[in-house]
């Protein structure tokens, strides 16, 4: 699981996209399921549409090969 919130706290927000890509690639290489989680569509709790950044985050996770995207 790529826990984006925990990863940002531990490694810094600027490194999250790079580490996420590496973790997903390793999981795909070793045929392991990978979940990308934390704050993917959080704005939709209050708004009917996601922000552009959230759409981009979800799209990138799917393009990178994530098996599951946890949207909250």
PDB file of N, CA and C in Angstrom:
ATOM      1  N   UNK A   1       0.846  -1.175   0.000  1.00  0.00           N
ATOM      2  CA  UNK A   1       0.000   0.000   0.000  1.00  0.00           C
ATOM      3  C   UNK A   1       0.889   1.235   0.000  1.00  0.00           C
ATOM      4  N   UNK A   2       0.546   2.168  -0.847  1.00  0.00           N
ATOM      5  CA  UNK A   2       1.189   3.473  -0.843  1.00  0.00           C
ATOM      6  C   UNK A   2       0.275   4.385  -0.029  1.00  0.00           C
ATOM      7  N   UNK A   3       0.646   4.619   1.213  1.00  0.00           N
ATOM      8  CA  UNK A   3      -0.127   5.506   2.095  1.00  0.00           C
ATOM      9  C   UNK A   3       0.435   6.914   1.919  1.00  0.00           C
ATOM     10  N   UNK A   4      -0.149   7.655   1.007  1.00  0.00           N
ATOM     11  CA  UNK A   4       0.399   8.947   0.609  1.00  0.00           C
ATOM     12  C   UNK A   4       0.517   9.936   1.760  1.00  0.00           C
ATOM     13  N   UNK A   5      -0.434   9.953   2.660  1.00  0.00           N
ATOM     14  CA  UNK A   5      -0.382  10.877   3.790  1.00  0.00           C
ATOM     15  C   UNK A   5       0.781  10.573   4.709  1.00  0.00           C
ATOM     16  N   UNK A   6       0.933   9.305   5.072  1.00  0.00           N
ATOM     17  CA  UNK A   6       2.053   8.897   5.925  1.00  0.00           C
ATOM     18  C   UNK A   6       3.382   9.128   5.219  1.00  0.00           C
ATOM     19  N   UNK A   7       3.411   8.833   3.934  1.00  0.00           N
ATOM     20  CA  UNK A   7       4.627   9.031   3.159  1.00  0.00           C
ATOM     21  C   UNK A   7       5.029  10.506   3.137  1.00  0.00           C
ATOM     22  N   UNK A   8       4.060  11.393   2.984  1.00  0.00           N
ATOM     23  CA  UNK A   8       4.345  12.831   2.974  1.00  0.00           C
ATOM     24  C   UNK A   8       4.897  13.295   4.318  1.00  0.00           C
ATOM     25  N   UNK A   9       4.349  12.769   5.405  1.00  0.00           N
ATOM     26  CA  UNK A   9       4.828  13.140   6.741  1.00  0.00           C
ATOM     27  C   UNK A   9       6.256  12.641   6.952  1.00  0.00           C
ATOM     28  N   UNK A  10       6.520  11.411   6.552  1.00  0.00           N
ATOM     29  CA  UNK A  10       7.824  10.798   6.808  1.00  0.00           C
ATOM     30  C   UNK A  10       8.917  11.262   5.847  1.00  0.00           C
ATOM     31  N   UNK A  11       8.578  11.437   4.574  1.00  0.00           N
ATOM     32  CA  UNK A  11       9.599  11.727   3.568  1.00  0.00           C
ATOM     33  C   UNK A  11       9.507  13.129   2.987  1.00  0.00           C
ATOM     34  N   UNK A  12       8.377  13.801   3.175  1.00  0.00           N
ATOM     35  CA  UNK A  12       8.176  15.125   2.593  1.00  0.00           C
ATOM     36  C   UNK A  12       7.252  15.053   1.395  1.00  0.00           C
ATOM     37  N   UNK A  13       6.371  16.016   1.305  1.00  0.00           N
ATOM     38  CA  UNK A  13       5.351  16.008   0.248  1.00  0.00           C
ATOM     39  C   UNK A  13       5.946  16.031  -1.153  1.00  0.00           C
ATOM     40  N   UNK A  14       7.092  16.681  -1.306  1.00  0.00           N
ATOM     41  CA  UNK A  14       7.676  16.820  -2.641  1.00  0.00           C
ATOM     42  C   UNK A  14       8.183  15.492  -3.202  1.00  0.00           C
ATOM     43  N   UNK A  15       8.420  14.521  -2.363  1.00  0.00           N
ATOM     44  CA  UNK A  15       8.961  13.237  -2.804  1.00  0.00           C
ATOM     45  C   UNK A  15       7.867  12.189  -3.046  1.00  0.00           C
ATOM     46  N   UNK A  16       6.640  12.479  -2.629  1.00  0.00           N
ATOM     47  CA  UNK A  16       5.544  11.502  -2.736  1.00  0.00           C
ATOM     48  C   UNK A  16       5.358  10.971  -4.160  1.00  0.00           C
ATOM     49  N   UNK A  17       5.288  11.812  -5.193  1.00  0.00           N
ATOM     50  CA  UNK A  17       5.063  11.258  -6.540  1.00  0.00           C
ATOM     51  C   UNK A  17       6.170  10.307  -7.003  1.00  0.00           C
ATOM     52  N   UNK A  18       7.407  10.633  -6.662  1.00  0.00           N
ATOM     53  CA  UNK A  18       8.537   9.799  -7.078  1.00  0.00           C
ATOM     54  C   UNK A  18       8.500   8.448  -6.369  1.00  0.00           C
ATOM     55  N   UNK A  19       8.314   8.478  -5.056  1.00  0.00           N
ATOM     56  CA  UNK A  19       8.287   7.235  -4.280  1.00  0.00           C
ATOM     57  C   UNK A  19       7.064   6.404  -4.649  1.00  0.00           C
ATOM     58  N   UNK A  20       5.929   7.053  -4.875  1.00  0.00           N
ATOM     59  CA  UNK A  20       4.719   6.335  -5.288  1.00  0.00           C
ATOM     60  C   UNK A  20       4.985   5.569  -6.578  1.00  0.00           C
ATOM     61  N   UNK A  21       5.599   6.223  -7.538  1.00  0.00           N
ATOM     62  CA  UNK A  21       5.894   5.575  -8.821  1.00  0.00           C
ATOM     63  C   UNK A  21       6.819   4.369  -8.617  1.00  0.00           C
ATOM     64  N   UNK A  22       7.832   4.529  -7.766  1.00  0.00           N
ATOM     65  CA  UNK A  22       8.776   3.430  -7.518  1.00  0.00           C
ATOM     66  C   UNK A  22       8.108   2.250  -6.817  1.00  0.00           C
ATOM     67  N   UNK A  23       7.285   2.541  -5.821  1.00  0.00           N
ATOM     68  CA  UNK A  23       6.603   1.463  -5.094  1.00  0.00           C
ATOM     69  C   UNK A  23       5.660   0.701  -6.021  1.00  0.00           C
ATOM     70  N   UNK A  24       4.898   1.430  -6.828  1.00  0.00           N
ATOM     71  CA  UNK A  24       3.980   0.770  -7.767  1.00  0.00           C
ATOM     72  C   UNK A  24       4.767  -0.094  -8.749  1.00  0.00           C
ATOM     73  N   UNK A  25       5.876   0.424  -9.264  1.00  0.00           N
ATOM     74  CA  UNK A  25       6.687  -0.344 -10.213  1.00  0.00           C
ATOM     75  C   UNK A  25       7.229  -1.619  -9.568  1.00  0.00           C
ATOM     76  N   UNK A  26       7.685  -1.523  -8.321  1.00  0.00           N
ATOM     77  CA  UNK A  26       8.185  -2.713  -7.622  1.00  0.00           C
ATOM     78  C   UNK A  26       7.075  -3.739  -7.399  1.00  0.00           C
ATOM     79  N   UNK A  27       5.909  -3.262  -7.020  1.00  0.00           N
ATOM     80  CA  UNK A  27       4.777  -4.180  -6.822  1.00  0.00           C
ATOM     81  C   UNK A  27       4.406  -4.877  -8.121  1.00  0.00           C
ATOM     82  N   UNK A  28       4.392  -4.133  -9.214  1.00  0.00           N
ATOM     83  CA  UNK A  28       4.073  -4.737 -10.517  1.00  0.00           C
ATOM     84  C   UNK A  28       5.146  -5.763 -10.899  1.00  0.00           C
ATOM     85  N   UNK A  29       6.413  -5.418 -10.655  1.00  0.00           N
ATOM     86  CA  UNK A  29       7.527  -6.311 -10.991  1.00  0.00           C
ATOM     87  C   UNK A  29       7.417  -7.647 -10.261  1.00  0.00           C
ATOM     88  N   UNK A  30       7.010  -7.602  -8.997  1.00  0.00           N
ATOM     89  CA  UNK A  30       6.927  -8.816  -8.184  1.00  0.00           C
ATOM     90  C   UNK A  30       5.503  -9.372  -8.081  1.00  0.00           C
ATOM     91  N   UNK A  31       4.629  -8.929  -8.986  1.00  0.00           N
ATOM     92  CA  UNK A  31       3.254  -9.436  -9.083  1.00  0.00           C
ATOM     93  C   UNK A  31       2.489  -9.327  -7.766  1.00  0.00           C
ATOM     94  N   UNK A  32       2.622  -8.188  -7.117  1.00  0.00           N
ATOM     95  CA  UNK A  32       1.902  -7.911  -5.871  1.00  0.00           C
ATOM     96  C   UNK A  32       0.859  -6.835  -6.138  1.00  0.00           C
ATOM     97  N   UNK A  33      -0.294  -6.977  -5.515  1.00  0.00           N
ATOM     98  CA  UNK A  33      -1.316  -5.944  -5.631  1.00  0.00           C
ATOM     99  C   UNK A  33      -0.838  -4.686  -4.924  1.00  0.00           C
ATOM    100  N   UNK A  34      -1.212  -3.541  -5.458  1.00  0.00           N
ATOM    101  CA  UNK A  34      -0.818  -2.277  -4.833  1.00  0.00           C
ATOM    102  C   UNK A  34      -2.027  -1.355  -4.732  1.00  0.00           C
ATOM    103  N   UNK A  35      -2.187  -0.797  -3.547  1.00  0.00           N
ATOM    104  CA  UNK A  35      -3.266   0.146  -3.254  1.00  0.00           C
ATOM    105  C   UNK A  35      -2.640   1.516  -3.053  1.00  0.00           C
ATOM    106  N   UNK A  36      -3.195   2.521  -3.678  1.00  0.00           N
ATOM    107  CA  UNK A  36      -2.769   3.900  -3.439  1.00  0.00           C
ATOM    108  C   UNK A  36      -3.875   4.555  -2.631  1.00  0.00           C
ATOM    109  N   UNK A  37      -3.507   5.091  -1.472  1.00  0.00           N
ATOM    110  CA  UNK A  37      -4.519   5.600  -0.543  1.00  0.00           C
ATOM    111  C   UNK A  37      -4.138   6.964   0.016  1.00  0.00           C
ATOM    112  N   UNK A  38      -5.103   7.586   0.608  1.00  0.00           N
ATOM    113  CA  UNK A  38      -5.019   8.823   1.384  1.00  0.00           C
ATOM    114  C   UNK A  38      -5.178  10.068   0.522  1.00  0.00           C
ATOM    115  N   UNK A  39      -6.245  10.761   0.770  1.00  0.00           N
ATOM    116  CA  UNK A  39      -6.522  12.085   0.214  1.00  0.00           C
ATOM    117  C   UNK A  39      -6.528  12.128  -1.309  1.00  0.00           C
ATOM    118  N   UNK A  40      -7.100  11.118  -1.933  1.00  0.00           N
ATOM    119  CA  UNK A  40      -7.159  11.124  -3.390  1.00  0.00           C
ATOM    120  C   UNK A  40      -8.340  11.948  -3.910  1.00  0.00           C
ATOM    121  N   UNK A  41      -9.456  11.951  -3.195  1.00  0.00           N
ATOM    122  CA  UNK A  41     -10.634  12.711  -3.620  1.00  0.00           C
ATOM    123  C   UNK A  41     -11.302  13.369  -2.414  1.00  0.00           C
ATOM    124  N   UNK A  42     -10.519  13.803  -1.471  1.00  0.00           N
ATOM    125  CA  UNK A  42     -11.038  14.334  -0.213  1.00  0.00           C
ATOM    126  C   UNK A  42     -11.943  15.536  -0.348  1.00  0.00           C
ATOM    127  N   UNK A  43     -11.746  16.359  -1.365  1.00  0.00           N
ATOM    128  CA  UNK A  43     -12.578  17.558  -1.511  1.00  0.00           C
ATOM    129  C   UNK A  43     -14.032  17.217  -1.815  1.00  0.00           C
ATOM    130  N   UNK A  44     -14.288  16.004  -2.293  1.00  0.00           N
ATOM    131  CA  UNK A  44     -15.648  15.637  -2.660  1.00  0.00           C
ATOM    132  C   UNK A  44     -16.538  15.376  -1.452  1.00  0.00           C
ATOM    133  N   UNK A  45     -15.959  15.406  -0.259  1.00  0.00           N
ATOM    134  CA  UNK A  45     -16.780  15.338   0.950  1.00  0.00           C
ATOM    135  C   UNK A  45     -17.670  16.575   1.011  1.00  0.00           C
ATOM    136  N   UNK A  46     -17.139  17.708   0.555  1.00  0.00           N
ATOM    137  CA  UNK A  46     -17.868  18.975   0.607  1.00  0.00           C
ATOM    138  C   UNK A  46     -18.297  19.509  -0.755  1.00  0.00           C
ATOM    139  N   UNK A  47     -17.707  19.023  -1.831  1.00  0.00           N
ATOM    140  CA  UNK A  47     -17.982  19.547  -3.168  1.00  0.00           C
ATOM    141  C   UNK A  47     -18.456  18.430  -4.092  1.00  0.00           C
ATOM    142  N   UNK A  48     -19.313  18.758  -5.063  1.00  0.00           N
ATOM    143  CA  UNK A  48     -19.819  17.719  -5.965  1.00  0.00           C
ATOM    144  C   UNK A  48     -18.797  17.254  -7.005  1.00  0.00           C
ATOM    145  N   UNK A  49     -17.719  18.022  -7.215  1.00  0.00           N
ATOM    146  CA  UNK A  49     -16.709  17.664  -8.203  1.00  0.00           C
ATOM    147  C   UNK A  49     -15.321  17.689  -7.573  1.00  0.00           C
ATOM    148  N   UNK A  50     -14.437  16.823  -8.025  1.00  0.00           N
ATOM    149  CA  UNK A  50     -13.070  16.822  -7.497  1.00  0.00           C
ATOM    150  C   UNK A  50     -12.261  17.985  -8.064  1.00  0.00           C
ATOM    151  N   UNK A  51     -11.173  18.310  -7.391  1.00  0.00           N
ATOM    152  CA  UNK A  51     -10.274  19.340  -7.917  1.00  0.00           C
ATOM    153  C   UNK A  51      -9.460  18.739  -9.069  1.00  0.00           C
ATOM    154  N   UNK A  52      -8.868  19.606  -9.882  1.00  0.00           N
ATOM    155  CA  UNK A  52      -8.034  19.118 -10.988  1.00  0.00           C
ATOM    156  C   UNK A  52      -6.844  18.314 -10.464  1.00  0.00           C
ATOM    157  N   UNK A  53      -6.283  18.753  -9.341  1.00  0.00           N
ATOM    158  CA  UNK A  53      -5.147  18.029  -8.754  1.00  0.00           C
ATOM    159  C   UNK A  53      -5.558  16.620  -8.334  1.00  0.00           C
ATOM    160  N   UNK A  54      -6.748  16.482  -7.772  1.00  0.00           N
ATOM    161  CA  UNK A  54      -7.233  15.161  -7.359  1.00  0.00           C
ATOM    162  C   UNK A  54      -7.458  14.257  -8.563  1.00  0.00           C
ATOM    163  N   UNK A  55      -8.031  14.809  -9.611  1.00  0.00           N
ATOM    164  CA  UNK A  55      -8.237  14.026 -10.839  1.00  0.00           C
ATOM    165  C   UNK A  55      -6.884  13.565 -11.379  1.00  0.00           C
ATOM    166  N   UNK A  56      -5.912  14.460 -11.369  1.00  0.00           N
ATOM    167  CA  UNK A  56      -4.571  14.123 -11.833  1.00  0.00           C
ATOM    168  C   UNK A  56      -3.935  13.036 -10.971  1.00  0.00           C
ATOM    169  N   UNK A  57      -4.087  13.132  -9.655  1.00  0.00           N
ATOM    170  CA  UNK A  57      -3.533  12.122  -8.745  1.00  0.00           C
ATOM    171  C   UNK A  57      -4.118  10.740  -9.022  1.00  0.00           C
ATOM    172  N   UNK A  58      -5.428  10.672  -9.183  1.00  0.00           N
ATOM    173  CA  UNK A  58      -6.083   9.386  -9.454  1.00  0.00           C
ATOM    174  C   UNK A  58      -5.649   8.852 -10.819  1.00  0.00           C
ATOM    175  N   UNK A  59      -5.649   9.712 -11.828  1.00  0.00           N
ATOM    176  CA  UNK A  59      -5.248   9.286 -13.171  1.00  0.00           C
ATOM    177  C   UNK A  59      -3.818   8.767 -13.172  1.00  0.00           C
ATOM    178  N   UNK A  60      -2.922   9.465 -12.498  1.00  0.00           N
ATOM    179  CA  UNK A  60      -1.526   9.023 -12.455  1.00  0.00           C
ATOM    180  C   UNK A  60      -1.381   7.683 -11.750  1.00  0.00           C
ATOM    181  N   UNK A  61      -2.110   7.476 -10.677  1.00  0.00           N
ATOM    182  CA  UNK A  61      -2.050   6.192  -9.970  1.00  0.00           C
ATOM    183  C   UNK A  61      -2.503   5.058 -10.889  1.00  0.00           C
ATOM    184  N   UNK A  62      -3.563   5.290 -11.649  1.00  0.00           N
ATOM    185  CA  UNK A  62      -4.078   4.269 -12.576  1.00  0.00           C
ATOM    186  C   UNK A  62      -3.083   4.032 -13.712  1.00  0.00           C
ATOM    187  N   UNK A  63      -2.558   5.106 -14.285  1.00  0.00           N
ATOM    188  CA  UNK A  63      -1.586   4.985 -15.376  1.00  0.00           C
ATOM    189  C   UNK A  63      -0.334   4.244 -14.912  1.00  0.00           C
ATOM    190  N   UNK A  64       0.087   4.502 -13.666  1.00  0.00           N
ATOM    191  CA  UNK A  64       1.280   3.850 -13.121  1.00  0.00           C
ATOM    192  C   UNK A  64       1.053   2.373 -12.829  1.00  0.00           C
ATOM    193  N   UNK A  65      -0.214   1.949 -12.745  1.00  0.00           N
ATOM    194  CA  UNK A  65      -0.508   0.534 -12.574  1.00  0.00           C
ATOM    195  C   UNK A  65      -1.088   0.135 -11.233  1.00  0.00           C
ATOM    196  N   UNK A  66      -1.603   1.089 -10.467  1.00  0.00           N
ATOM    197  CA  UNK A  66      -2.219   0.750  -9.182  1.00  0.00           C
ATOM    198  C   UNK A  66      -3.417  -0.166  -9.411  1.00  0.00           C
ATOM    199  N   UNK A  67      -3.579  -1.142  -8.531  1.00  0.00           N
ATOM    200  CA  UNK A  67      -4.714  -2.055  -8.627  1.00  0.00           C
ATOM    201  C   UNK A  67      -5.954  -1.472  -7.977  1.00  0.00           C
ATOM    202  N   UNK A  68      -5.755  -0.684  -6.921  1.00  0.00           N
ATOM    203  CA  UNK A  68      -6.860  -0.081  -6.177  1.00  0.00           C
ATOM    204  C   UNK A  68      -6.486   1.355  -5.852  1.00  0.00           C
ATOM    205  N   UNK A  69      -7.466   2.245  -5.964  1.00  0.00           N
ATOM    206  CA  UNK A  69      -7.290   3.631  -5.536  1.00  0.00           C
ATOM    207  C   UNK A  69      -8.335   3.902  -4.469  1.00  0.00           C
ATOM    208  N   UNK A  70      -7.876   4.170  -3.265  1.00  0.00           N
ATOM    209  CA  UNK A  70      -8.779   4.529  -2.170  1.00  0.00           C
ATOM    210  C   UNK A  70      -9.016   6.026  -2.260  1.00  0.00           C
ATOM    211  N   UNK A  71     -10.250   6.422  -2.458  1.00  0.00           N
ATOM    212  CA  UNK A  71     -10.523   7.818  -2.798  1.00  0.00           C
ATOM    213  C   UNK A  71     -10.750   8.744  -1.609  1.00  0.00           C
ATOM    214  N   UNK A  72     -10.773   8.235  -0.410  1.00  0.00           N
ATOM    215  CA  UNK A  72     -10.974   9.122   0.748  1.00  0.00           C
ATOM    216  C   UNK A  72      -9.729   9.138   1.590  1.00  0.00           C
TER     217      UNK A  72
END
